[in-house]
Amino acid sequence: MDVVQKKQGKALILSVSGRLDAVTSPLFEDRLVRLIEGEEGNIILDLGQLDYLSSAGLRAILSVAKKIPRSEQMIVCNLSGMIREVFSISGFDGIFPIADSIEEALGKAS
């Protein structure tokens, strides 16, 4: 699992690749919490390069989202195939705003 960060305007784009499972989710959660500390603006979580997402990964995403200030939001984008299905089955598509691209997510973030 790898996370690449990029600031665009007031949004922080976090692109996640690899697997987000029981092994990698604690590292993911710790890294994202450190990245978002002191940040202003919305968080865009780009999962376009994510290969696998387990329930432990979902819990880590939810845990990170709870640490975002109430005035901000986490927008998830680039869900495909199995990752989109996991979000749908778990009901996470009703918890987080979902966008098909980073550009669409940036539009929702403003």
PDB file of N, CA and C in Angstrom:
ATOM      1  N   MET A   1       0.852  -1.167   0.000  1.00  0.00           N
ATOM      2  CA  MET A   1       0.000   0.000   0.000  1.00  0.00           C
ATOM      3  C   MET A   1       0.896   1.228   0.000  1.00  0.00           C
ATOM      4  N   ASP A   2       0.541   2.175  -0.846  1.00  0.00           N
ATOM      5  CA  ASP A   2       1.285   3.418  -0.933  1.00  0.00           C
ATOM      6  C   ASP A   2       0.289   4.571  -1.006  1.00  0.00           C
ATOM      7  N   VAL A   3       0.671   5.701  -0.449  1.00  0.00           N
ATOM      8  CA  VAL A   3      -0.168   6.904  -0.486  1.00  0.00           C
ATOM      9  C   VAL A   3       0.674   8.051  -1.017  1.00  0.00           C
ATOM     10  N   VAL A   4       0.169   8.697  -2.068  1.00  0.00           N
ATOM     11  CA  VAL A   4       0.834   9.871  -2.642  1.00  0.00           C
ATOM     12  C   VAL A   4      -0.067  11.060  -2.383  1.00  0.00           C
ATOM     13  N   GLN A   5       0.511  12.121  -1.860  1.00  0.00           N
ATOM     14  CA  GLN A   5      -0.283  13.315  -1.548  1.00  0.00           C
ATOM     15  C   GLN A   5       0.019  14.429  -2.521  1.00  0.00           C
ATOM     16  N   LYS A   6      -1.015  15.232  -2.788  1.00  0.00           N
ATOM     17  CA  LYS A   6      -0.890  16.381  -3.674  1.00  0.00           C
ATOM     18  C   LYS A   6      -1.897  17.423  -3.213  1.00  0.00           C
ATOM     19  N   LYS A   7      -1.464  18.636  -3.084  1.00  0.00           N
ATOM     20  CA  LYS A   7      -2.349  19.737  -2.693  1.00  0.00           C
ATOM     21  C   LYS A   7      -2.819  20.434  -3.970  1.00  0.00           C
ATOM     22  N   GLN A   8      -4.118  20.619  -4.097  1.00  0.00           N
ATOM     23  CA  GLN A   8      -4.662  21.354  -5.235  1.00  0.00           C
ATOM     24  C   GLN A   8      -5.697  22.327  -4.703  1.00  0.00           C
ATOM     25  N   GLY A   9      -5.363  23.605  -4.755  1.00  0.00           N
ATOM     26  CA  GLY A   9      -6.221  24.604  -4.145  1.00  0.00           C
ATOM     27  C   GLY A   9      -6.277  24.355  -2.651  1.00  0.00           C
ATOM     28  N   LYS A  10      -7.494  24.305  -2.111  1.00  0.00           N
ATOM     29  CA  LYS A  10      -7.653  24.018  -0.685  1.00  0.00           C
ATOM     30  C   LYS A  10      -7.838  22.534  -0.407  1.00  0.00           C
ATOM     31  N   ALA A  11      -7.870  21.708  -1.446  1.00  0.00           N
ATOM     32  CA  ALA A  11      -8.095  20.273  -1.264  1.00  0.00           C
ATOM     33  C   ALA A  11      -6.769  19.529  -1.188  1.00  0.00           C
ATOM     34  N   LEU A  12      -6.740  18.501  -0.353  1.00  0.00           N
ATOM     35  CA  LEU A  12      -5.600  17.600  -0.260  1.00  0.00           C
ATOM     36  C   LEU A  12      -6.012  16.292  -0.929  1.00  0.00           C
ATOM     37  N   ILE A  13      -5.331  15.948  -2.018  1.00  0.00           N
ATOM     38  CA  ILE A  13      -5.630  14.722  -2.756  1.00  0.00           C
ATOM     39  C   ILE A  13      -4.678  13.642  -2.273  1.00  0.00           C
ATOM     40  N   LEU A  14      -5.252  12.528  -1.816  1.00  0.00           N
ATOM     41  CA  LEU A  14      -4.470  11.394  -1.342  1.00  0.00           C
ATOM     42  C   LEU A  14      -4.775  10.212  -2.244  1.00  0.00           C
ATOM     43  N   SER A  15      -3.793   9.813  -3.050  1.00  0.00           N
ATOM     44  CA  SER A  15      -3.962   8.707  -3.988  1.00  0.00           C
ATOM     45  C   SER A  15      -3.395   7.440  -3.364  1.00  0.00           C
ATOM     46  N   VAL A  16      -4.257   6.435  -3.211  1.00  0.00           N
ATOM     47  CA  VAL A  16      -3.886   5.191  -2.544  1.00  0.00           C
ATOM     48  C   VAL A  16      -3.747   4.092  -3.591  1.00  0.00           C
ATOM     49  N   SER A  17      -2.670   3.318  -3.506  1.00  0.00           N
ATOM     50  CA  SER A  17      -2.477   2.202  -4.423  1.00  0.00           C
ATOM     51  C   SER A  17      -2.106   0.948  -3.636  1.00  0.00           C
ATOM     52  N   GLY A  18      -2.314  -0.203  -4.272  1.00  0.00           N
ATOM     53  CA  GLY A  18      -1.983  -1.478  -3.640  1.00  0.00           C
ATOM     54  C   GLY A  18      -3.172  -2.085  -2.936  1.00  0.00           C
ATOM     55  N   ARG A  19      -2.909  -2.669  -1.769  1.00  0.00           N
ATOM     56  CA  ARG A  19      -3.937  -3.360  -0.994  1.00  0.00           C
ATOM     57  C   ARG A  19      -4.183  -2.624   0.315  1.00  0.00           C
ATOM     58  N   LEU A  20      -5.450  -2.505   0.682  1.00  0.00           N
ATOM     59  CA  LEU A  20      -5.818  -1.918   1.964  1.00  0.00           C
ATOM     60  C   LEU A  20      -6.569  -2.998   2.728  1.00  0.00           C
ATOM     61  N   ASP A  21      -5.825  -3.697   3.583  1.00  0.00           N
ATOM     62  CA  ASP A  21      -6.358  -4.860   4.282  1.00  0.00           C
ATOM     63  C   ASP A  21      -5.928  -4.839   5.745  1.00  0.00           C
ATOM     64  N   ALA A  22      -6.095  -5.954   6.433  1.00  0.00           N
ATOM     65  CA  ALA A  22      -5.778  -6.027   7.867  1.00  0.00           C
ATOM     66  C   ALA A  22      -4.304  -5.732   8.142  1.00  0.00           C
ATOM     67  N   VAL A  23      -3.430  -6.064   7.222  1.00  0.00           N
ATOM     68  CA  VAL A  23      -2.003  -5.830   7.406  1.00  0.00           C
ATOM     69  C   VAL A  23      -1.647  -4.362   7.181  1.00  0.00           C
ATOM     70  N   THR A  24      -2.191  -3.766   6.124  1.00  0.00           N
ATOM     71  CA  THR A  24      -1.788  -2.406   5.756  1.00  0.00           C
ATOM     72  C   THR A  24      -2.659  -1.303   6.346  1.00  0.00           C
ATOM     73  N   SER A  25      -3.870  -1.631   6.808  1.00  0.00           N
ATOM     74  CA  SER A  25      -4.777  -0.580   7.282  1.00  0.00           C
ATOM     75  C   SER A  25      -4.251   0.201   8.491  1.00  0.00           C
ATOM     76  N   PRO A  26      -3.551  -0.422   9.460  1.00  0.00           N
ATOM     77  CA  PRO A  26      -3.007   0.407  10.555  1.00  0.00           C
ATOM     78  C   PRO A  26      -1.981   1.433  10.052  1.00  0.00           C
ATOM     79  N   LEU A  27      -1.151   1.029   9.097  1.00  0.00           N
ATOM     80  CA  LEU A  27      -0.174   1.951   8.516  1.00  0.00           C
ATOM     81  C   LEU A  27      -0.880   3.070   7.748  1.00  0.00           C
ATOM     82  N   PHE A  28      -1.916   2.693   6.984  1.00  0.00           N
ATOM     83  CA  PHE A  28      -2.713   3.655   6.229  1.00  0.00           C
ATOM     84  C   PHE A  28      -3.330   4.681   7.164  1.00  0.00           C
ATOM     85  N   GLU A  29      -3.982   4.197   8.214  1.00  0.00           N
ATOM     86  CA  GLU A  29      -4.656   5.101   9.153  1.00  0.00           C
ATOM     87  C   GLU A  29      -3.657   6.054   9.808  1.00  0.00           C
ATOM     88  N   ASP A  30      -2.550   5.518  10.275  1.00  0.00           N
ATOM     89  CA  ASP A  30      -1.530   6.350  10.928  1.00  0.00           C
ATOM     90  C   ASP A  30      -0.986   7.395   9.969  1.00  0.00           C
ATOM     91  N   ARG A  31      -0.687   6.982   8.753  1.00  0.00           N
ATOM     92  CA  ARG A  31      -0.124   7.916   7.770  1.00  0.00           C
ATOM     93  C   ARG A  31      -1.123   9.006   7.409  1.00  0.00           C
ATOM     94  N   LEU A  32      -2.376   8.636   7.168  1.00  0.00           N
ATOM     95  CA  LEU A  32      -3.360   9.644   6.782  1.00  0.00           C
ATOM     96  C   LEU A  32      -3.662  10.609   7.913  1.00  0.00           C
ATOM     97  N   VAL A  33      -3.720  10.119   9.128  1.00  0.00           N
ATOM     98  CA  VAL A  33      -3.963  11.014  10.262  1.00  0.00           C
ATOM     99  C   VAL A  33      -2.841  12.046  10.348  1.00  0.00           C
ATOM    100  N   ARG A  34      -1.603  11.608  10.145  1.00  0.00           N
ATOM    101  CA  ARG A  34      -0.476  12.552  10.171  1.00  0.00           C
ATOM    102  C   ARG A  34      -0.544  13.536   9.011  1.00  0.00           C
ATOM    103  N   LEU A  35      -0.977  13.069   7.837  1.00  0.00           N
ATOM    104  CA  LEU A  35      -1.057  13.939   6.663  1.00  0.00           C
ATOM    105  C   LEU A  35      -2.131  15.008   6.811  1.00  0.00           C
ATOM    106  N   ILE A  36      -3.261  14.661   7.431  1.00  0.00           N
ATOM    107  CA  ILE A  36      -4.368  15.619   7.497  1.00  0.00           C
ATOM    108  C   ILE A  36      -4.281  16.545   8.706  1.00  0.00           C
ATOM    109  N   GLU A  37      -3.420  16.239   9.664  1.00  0.00           N
ATOM    110  CA  GLU A  37      -3.279  17.109  10.825  1.00  0.00           C
ATOM    111  C   GLU A  37      -2.847  18.498  10.376  1.00  0.00           C
ATOM    112  N   GLY A  38      -3.578  19.495  10.808  1.00  0.00           N
ATOM    113  CA  GLY A  38      -3.238  20.869  10.491  1.00  0.00           C
ATOM    114  C   GLY A  38      -3.617  21.306   9.086  1.00  0.00           C
ATOM    115  N   GLU A  39      -4.187  20.404   8.304  1.00  0.00           N
ATOM    116  CA  GLU A  39      -4.605  20.762   6.941  1.00  0.00           C
ATOM    117  C   GLU A  39      -5.967  21.432   6.971  1.00  0.00           C
ATOM    118  N   GLU A  40      -6.135  22.414   6.140  1.00  0.00           N
ATOM    119  CA  GLU A  40      -7.441  23.041   5.955  1.00  0.00           C
ATOM    120  C   GLU A  40      -7.932  22.651   4.576  1.00  0.00           C
ATOM    121  N   GLY A  41      -9.201  22.431   4.452  1.00  0.00           N
ATOM    122  CA  GLY A  41      -9.773  22.056   3.166  1.00  0.00           C
ATOM    123  C   GLY A  41     -10.223  20.611   3.174  1.00  0.00           C
ATOM    124  N   ASN A  42     -10.889  20.239   2.111  1.00  0.00           N
ATOM    125  CA  ASN A  42     -11.429  18.895   1.999  1.00  0.00           C
ATOM    126  C   ASN A  42     -10.346  17.894   1.621  1.00  0.00           C
ATOM    127  N   ILE A  43     -10.596  16.653   1.969  1.00  0.00           N
ATOM    128  CA  ILE A  43      -9.703  15.553   1.631  1.00  0.00           C
ATOM    129  C   ILE A  43     -10.341  14.786   0.481  1.00  0.00           C
ATOM    130  N   ILE A  44      -9.576  14.579  -0.570  1.00  0.00           N
ATOM    131  CA  ILE A  44     -10.040  13.760  -1.691  1.00  0.00           C
ATOM    132  C   ILE A  44      -9.241  12.470  -1.655  1.00  0.00           C
ATOM    133  N   LEU A  45      -9.946  11.370  -1.471  1.00  0.00           N
ATOM    134  CA  LEU A  45      -9.317  10.057  -1.389  1.00  0.00           C
ATOM    135  C   LEU A  45      -9.487   9.368  -2.740  1.00  0.00           C
ATOM    136  N   ASP A  46      -8.399   9.311  -3.500  1.00  0.00           N
ATOM    137  CA  ASP A  46      -8.395   8.730  -4.840  1.00  0.00           C
ATOM    138  C   ASP A  46      -8.040   7.247  -4.712  1.00  0.00           C
ATOM    139  N   LEU A  47      -9.024   6.386  -4.965  1.00  0.00           N
ATOM    140  CA  LEU A  47      -8.811   4.943  -4.837  1.00  0.00           C
ATOM    141  C   LEU A  47      -8.691   4.251  -6.192  1.00  0.00           C
ATOM    142  N   GLY A  48      -8.379   5.010  -7.230  1.00  0.00           N
ATOM    143  CA  GLY A  48      -8.289   4.469  -8.582  1.00  0.00           C
ATOM    144  C   GLY A  48      -7.230   3.405  -8.769  1.00  0.00           C
ATOM    145  N   GLN A  49      -6.190   3.425  -7.966  1.00  0.00           N
ATOM    146  CA  GLN A  49      -5.109   2.442  -8.087  1.00  0.00           C
ATOM    147  C   GLN A  49      -5.132   1.402  -6.966  1.00  0.00           C
ATOM    148  N   LEU A  50      -6.226   1.384  -6.210  1.00  0.00           N
ATOM    149  CA  LEU A  50      -6.354   0.412  -5.125  1.00  0.00           C
ATOM    150  C   LEU A  50      -6.769  -0.937  -5.711  1.00  0.00           C
ATOM    151  N   ASP A  51      -6.022  -1.986  -5.382  1.00  0.00           N
ATOM    152  CA  ASP A  51      -6.283  -3.322  -5.920  1.00  0.00           C
ATOM    153  C   ASP A  51      -7.245  -4.136  -5.066  1.00  0.00           C
ATOM    154  N   TYR A  52      -7.233  -3.891  -3.761  1.00  0.00           N
ATOM    155  CA  TYR A  52      -8.028  -4.709  -2.843  1.00  0.00           C
ATOM    156  C   TYR A  52      -8.410  -3.881  -1.630  1.00  0.00           C
ATOM    157  N   LEU A  53      -9.639  -4.047  -1.169  1.00  0.00           N
ATOM    158  CA  LEU A  53     -10.134  -3.330   0.008  1.00  0.00           C
ATOM    159  C   LEU A  53     -10.914  -4.300   0.883  1.00  0.00           C
ATOM    160  N   SER A  54     -10.432  -4.506   2.111  1.00  0.00           N
ATOM    161  CA  SER A  54     -11.105  -5.401   3.054  1.00  0.00           C
ATOM    162  C   SER A  54     -11.930  -4.593   4.052  1.00  0.00           C
ATOM    163  N   SER A  55     -12.618  -5.300   4.929  1.00  0.00           N
ATOM    164  CA  SER A  55     -13.391  -4.616   5.966  1.00  0.00           C
ATOM    165  C   SER A  55     -12.465  -3.828   6.903  1.00  0.00           C
ATOM    166  N   ALA A  56     -11.259  -4.317   7.121  1.00  0.00           N
ATOM    167  CA  ALA A  56     -10.291  -3.576   7.942  1.00  0.00           C
ATOM    168  C   ALA A  56      -9.920  -2.261   7.261  1.00  0.00           C
ATOM    169  N   GLY A  57      -9.813  -2.287   5.949  1.00  0.00           N
ATOM    170  CA  GLY A  57      -9.537  -1.070   5.189  1.00  0.00           C
ATOM    171  C   GLY A  57     -10.683  -0.083   5.275  1.00  0.00           C
ATOM    172  N   LEU A  58     -11.915  -0.593   5.196  1.00  0.00           N
ATOM    173  CA  LEU A  58     -13.094   0.268   5.345  1.00  0.00           C
ATOM    174  C   LEU A  58     -13.107   0.928   6.718  1.00  0.00           C
ATOM    175  N   ARG A  59     -12.806   0.152   7.755  1.00  0.00           N
ATOM    176  CA  ARG A  59     -12.761   0.717   9.113  1.00  0.00           C
ATOM    177  C   ARG A  59     -11.709   1.814   9.211  1.00  0.00           C
ATOM    178  N   ALA A  60     -10.560   1.607   8.567  1.00  0.00           N
ATOM    179  CA  ALA A  60      -9.493   2.611   8.606  1.00  0.00           C
ATOM    180  C   ALA A  60      -9.940   3.898   7.901  1.00  0.00           C
ATOM    181  N   ILE A  61     -10.610   3.768   6.757  1.00  0.00           N
ATOM    182  CA  ILE A  61     -11.114   4.947   6.046  1.00  0.00           C
ATOM    183  C   ILE A  61     -12.105   5.708   6.925  1.00  0.00           C
ATOM    184  N   LEU A  62     -13.019   4.979   7.556  1.00  0.00           N
ATOM    185  CA  LEU A  62     -14.011   5.608   8.431  1.00  0.00           C
ATOM    186  C   LEU A  62     -13.341   6.283   9.623  1.00  0.00           C
ATOM    187  N   SER A  63     -12.348   5.629  10.197  1.00  0.00           N
ATOM    188  CA  SER A  63     -11.638   6.192  11.343  1.00  0.00           C
ATOM    189  C   SER A  63     -10.939   7.495  10.971  1.00  0.00           C
ATOM    190  N   VAL A  64     -10.301   7.523   9.809  1.00  0.00           N
ATOM    191  CA  VAL A  64      -9.632   8.736   9.351  1.00  0.00           C
ATOM    192  C   VAL A  64     -10.663   9.840   9.122  1.00  0.00           C
ATOM    193  N   ALA A  65     -11.779   9.495   8.484  1.00  0.00           N
ATOM    194  CA  ALA A  65     -12.823  10.486   8.194  1.00  0.00           C
ATOM    195  C   ALA A  65     -13.358  11.128   9.469  1.00  0.00           C
ATOM    196  N   LYS A  66     -13.436  10.369  10.541  1.00  0.00           N
ATOM    197  CA  LYS A  66     -13.932  10.902  11.810  1.00  0.00           C
ATOM    198  C   LYS A  66     -12.971  11.919  12.422  1.00  0.00           C
ATOM    199  N   LYS A  67     -11.725  11.911  11.980  1.00  0.00           N
ATOM    200  CA  LYS A  67     -10.730  12.842  12.510  1.00  0.00           C
ATOM    201  C   LYS A  67     -10.654  14.139  11.704  1.00  0.00           C
ATOM    202  N   ILE A  68     -11.419  14.218  10.630  1.00  0.00           N
ATOM    203  CA  ILE A  68     -11.454  15.427   9.810  1.00  0.00           C
ATOM    204  C   ILE A  68     -12.393  16.426  10.487  1.00  0.00           C
ATOM    205  N   PRO A  69     -11.990  17.696  10.571  1.00  0.00           N
ATOM    206  CA  PRO A  69     -12.872  18.698  11.195  1.00  0.00           C
ATOM    207  C   PRO A  69     -14.256  18.717  10.549  1.00  0.00           C
ATOM    208  N   ARG A  70     -15.271  19.031  11.337  1.00  0.00           N
ATOM    209  CA  ARG A  70     -16.660  19.030  10.858  1.00  0.00           C
ATOM    210  C   ARG A  70     -16.891  19.961   9.674  1.00  0.00           C
ATOM    211  N   SER A  71     -16.086  20.994   9.573  1.00  0.00           N
ATOM    212  CA  SER A  71     -16.271  21.944   8.474  1.00  0.00           C
ATOM    213  C   SER A  71     -15.708  21.412   7.151  1.00  0.00           C
ATOM    214  N   GLU A  72     -15.008  20.307   7.201  1.00  0.00           N
ATOM    215  CA  GLU A  72     -14.409  19.704   6.011  1.00  0.00           C
ATOM    216  C   GLU A  72     -15.104  18.369   5.730  1.00  0.00           C
ATOM    217  N   GLN A  73     -14.785  17.773   4.580  1.00  0.00           N
ATOM    218  CA  GLN A  73     -15.339  16.469   4.264  1.00  0.00           C
ATOM    219  C   GLN A  73     -14.313  15.631   3.509  1.00  0.00           C
ATOM    220  N   MET A  74     -14.531  14.325   3.495  1.00  0.00           N
ATOM    221  CA  MET A  74     -13.721  13.419   2.698  1.00  0.00           C
ATOM    222  C   MET A  74     -14.567  13.000   1.502  1.00  0.00           C
ATOM    223  N   ILE A  75     -14.029  13.215   0.326  1.00  0.00           N
ATOM    224  CA  ILE A  75     -14.694  12.826  -0.910  1.00  0.00           C
ATOM    225  C   ILE A  75     -13.876  11.685  -1.511  1.00  0.00           C
ATOM    226  N   VAL A  76     -14.542  10.600  -1.860  1.00  0.00           N
ATOM    227  CA  VAL A  76     -13.873   9.431  -2.412  1.00  0.00           C
ATOM    228  C   VAL A  76     -14.083   9.432  -3.923  1.00  0.00           C
ATOM    229  N   CYS A  77     -13.016   9.141  -4.668  1.00  0.00           N
ATOM    230  CA  CYS A  77     -13.166   9.148  -6.122  1.00  0.00           C
ATOM    231  C   CYS A  77     -12.439   7.985  -6.781  1.00  0.00           C
ATOM    232  N   ASN A  78     -12.767   7.803  -8.051  1.00  0.00           N
ATOM    233  CA  ASN A  78     -12.161   6.787  -8.914  1.00  0.00           C
ATOM    234  C   ASN A  78     -12.380   5.359  -8.420  1.00  0.00           C
ATOM    235  N   LEU A  79     -13.571   5.088  -7.903  1.00  0.00           N
ATOM    236  CA  LEU A  79     -13.893   3.718  -7.495  1.00  0.00           C
ATOM    237  C   LEU A  79     -14.153   2.887  -8.740  1.00  0.00           C
ATOM    238  N   SER A  80     -13.585   1.697  -8.780  1.00  0.00           N
ATOM    239  CA  SER A  80     -13.826   0.843  -9.940  1.00  0.00           C
ATOM    240  C   SER A  80     -14.013  -0.600  -9.495  1.00  0.00           C
ATOM    241  N   GLY A  81     -14.719  -1.349 -10.292  1.00  0.00           N
ATOM    242  CA  GLY A  81     -14.869  -2.783 -10.105  1.00  0.00           C
ATOM    243  C   GLY A  81     -15.205  -3.206  -8.688  1.00  0.00           C
ATOM    244  N   MET A  82     -14.328  -4.026  -8.138  1.00  0.00           N
ATOM    245  CA  MET A  82     -14.538  -4.609  -6.820  1.00  0.00           C
ATOM    246  C   MET A  82     -14.568  -3.561  -5.718  1.00  0.00           C
ATOM    247  N   ILE A  83     -13.771  -2.505  -5.851  1.00  0.00           N
ATOM    248  CA  ILE A  83     -13.733  -1.464  -4.821  1.00  0.00           C
ATOM    249  C   ILE A  83     -15.084  -0.750  -4.762  1.00  0.00           C
ATOM    250  N   ARG A  84     -15.656  -0.451  -5.916  1.00  0.00           N
ATOM    251  CA  ARG A  84     -16.990   0.173  -5.967  1.00  0.00           C
ATOM    252  C   ARG A  84     -18.029  -0.762  -5.343  1.00  0.00           C
ATOM    253  N   GLU A  85     -17.915  -2.042  -5.631  1.00  0.00           N
ATOM    254  CA  GLU A  85     -18.859  -3.025  -5.085  1.00  0.00           C
ATOM    255  C   GLU A  85     -18.750  -3.101  -3.562  1.00  0.00           C
ATOM    256  N   VAL A  86     -17.538  -3.094  -3.037  1.00  0.00           N
ATOM    257  CA  VAL A  86     -17.331  -3.128  -1.586  1.00  0.00           C
ATOM    258  C   VAL A  86     -17.951  -1.887  -0.939  1.00  0.00           C
ATOM    259  N   PHE A  87     -17.759  -0.719  -1.546  1.00  0.00           N
ATOM    260  CA  PHE A  87     -18.366   0.511  -1.025  1.00  0.00           C
ATOM    261  C   PHE A  87     -19.886   0.415  -1.040  1.00  0.00           C
ATOM    262  N   SER A  88     -20.440  -0.148  -2.102  1.00  0.00           N
ATOM    263  CA  SER A  88     -21.889  -0.261  -2.232  1.00  0.00           C
ATOM    264  C   SER A  88     -22.473  -1.251  -1.224  1.00  0.00           C
ATOM    265  N   ILE A  89     -21.892  -2.437  -1.140  1.00  0.00           N
ATOM    266  CA  ILE A  89     -22.393  -3.482  -0.240  1.00  0.00           C
ATOM    267  C   ILE A  89     -22.307  -3.042   1.216  1.00  0.00           C
ATOM    268  N   SER A  90     -21.239  -2.331   1.563  1.00  0.00           N
ATOM    269  CA  SER A  90     -21.035  -1.901   2.952  1.00  0.00           C
ATOM    270  C   SER A  90     -21.857  -0.665   3.309  1.00  0.00           C
ATOM    271  N   GLY A  91     -22.426   0.000   2.307  1.00  0.00           N
ATOM    272  CA  GLY A  91     -23.182   1.224   2.560  1.00  0.00           C
ATOM    273  C   GLY A  91     -22.320   2.465   2.644  1.00  0.00           C
ATOM    274  N   PHE A  92     -21.022   2.326   2.373  1.00  0.00           N
ATOM    275  CA  PHE A  92     -20.129   3.479   2.435  1.00  0.00           C
ATOM    276  C   PHE A  92     -20.433   4.486   1.337  1.00  0.00           C
ATOM    277  N   ASP A  93     -21.089   4.043   0.275  1.00  0.00           N
ATOM    278  CA  ASP A  93     -21.453   4.995  -0.775  1.00  0.00           C
ATOM    279  C   ASP A  93     -22.554   5.941  -0.304  1.00  0.00           C
ATOM    280  N   GLY A  94     -23.178   5.635   0.819  1.00  0.00           N
ATOM    281  CA  GLY A  94     -24.153   6.535   1.424  1.00  0.00           C
ATOM    282  C   GLY A  94     -23.549   7.406   2.511  1.00  0.00           C
ATOM    283  N   ILE A  95     -22.342   7.086   2.927  1.00  0.00           N
ATOM    284  CA  ILE A  95     -21.659   7.832   3.987  1.00  0.00           C
ATOM    285  C   ILE A  95     -20.787   8.935   3.398  1.00  0.00           C
ATOM    286  N   PHE A  96     -20.102   8.615   2.305  1.00  0.00           N
ATOM    287  CA  PHE A  96     -19.155   9.542   1.696  1.00  0.00           C
ATOM    288  C   PHE A  96     -19.661  10.033   0.344  1.00  0.00           C
ATOM    289  N   PRO A  97     -19.376  11.295   0.017  1.00  0.00           N
ATOM    290  CA  PRO A  97     -19.629  11.737  -1.356  1.00  0.00           C
ATOM    291  C   PRO A  97     -18.696  10.956  -2.286  1.00  0.00           C
ATOM    292  N   ILE A  98     -19.232  10.476  -3.401  1.00  0.00           N
ATOM    293  CA  ILE A  98     -18.453   9.688  -4.354  1.00  0.00           C
ATOM    294  C   ILE A  98     -18.373  10.467  -5.658  1.00  0.00           C
ATOM    295  N   ALA A  99     -17.185  10.499  -6.246  1.00  0.00           N
ATOM    296  CA  ALA A  99     -16.984  11.156  -7.538  1.00  0.00           C
ATOM    297  C   ALA A  99     -16.299  10.160  -8.481  1.00  0.00           C
ATOM    298  N   ASP A 100     -16.559  10.334  -9.776  1.00  0.00           N
ATOM    299  CA  ASP A 100     -15.959   9.444 -10.772  1.00  0.00           C
ATOM    300  C   ASP A 100     -14.532   9.832 -11.130  1.00  0.00           C
ATOM    301  N   SER A 101     -14.131  11.063 -10.810  1.00  0.00           N
ATOM    302  CA  SER A 101     -12.783  11.528 -11.145  1.00  0.00           C
ATOM    303  C   SER A 101     -12.306  12.538 -10.104  1.00  0.00           C
ATOM    304  N   ILE A 102     -11.028  12.826 -10.137  1.00  0.00           N
ATOM    305  CA  ILE A 102     -10.483  13.844  -9.245  1.00  0.00           C
ATOM    306  C   ILE A 102     -11.100  15.207  -9.586  1.00  0.00           C
ATOM    307  N   GLU A 103     -11.281  15.478 -10.855  1.00  0.00           N
ATOM    308  CA  GLU A 103     -11.860  16.750 -11.276  1.00  0.00           C
ATOM    309  C   GLU A 103     -13.278  16.918 -10.706  1.00  0.00           C
ATOM    310  N   GLU A 104     -14.073  15.849 -10.783  1.00  0.00           N
ATOM    311  CA  GLU A 104     -15.425  15.915 -10.225  1.00  0.00           C
ATOM    312  C   GLU A 104     -15.368  16.089  -8.710  1.00  0.00           C
ATOM    313  N   ALA A 105     -14.439  15.401  -8.059  1.00  0.00           N
ATOM    314  CA  ALA A 105     -14.292  15.533  -6.608  1.00  0.00           C
ATOM    315  C   ALA A 105     -13.905  16.963  -6.225  1.00  0.00           C
ATOM    316  N   LEU A 106     -13.015  17.565  -7.015  1.00  0.00           N
ATOM    317  CA  LEU A 106     -12.631  18.951  -6.746  1.00  0.00           C
ATOM    318  C   LEU A 106     -13.849  19.878  -6.873  1.00  0.00           C
ATOM    319  N   GLY A 107     -14.728  19.589  -7.816  1.00  0.00           N
ATOM    320  CA  GLY A 107     -15.944  20.374  -7.964  1.00  0.00           C
ATOM    321  C   GLY A 107     -16.859  20.226  -6.756  1.00  0.00           C
ATOM    322  N   LYS A 108     -16.934  19.022  -6.193  1.00  0.00           N
ATOM    323  CA  LYS A 108     -17.760  18.798  -5.011  1.00  0.00           C
ATOM    324  C   LYS A 108     -17.108  19.412  -3.770  1.00  0.00           C
ATOM    325  N   ALA A 109     -15.799  19.567  -3.812  1.00  0.00           N
ATOM    326  CA  ALA A 109     -15.073  20.079  -2.645  1.00  0.00           C
ATOM    327  C   ALA A 109     -15.206  21.588  -2.495  1.00  0.00           C
ATOM    328  N   SER A 110     -15.583  22.266  -3.570  1.00  0.00           N
ATOM    329  CA  SER A 110     -15.642  23.728  -3.471  1.00  0.00           C
ATOM    330  C   SER A 110     -16.994  24.229  -3.049  1.00  0.00           C
TER     331      SER A 110
END
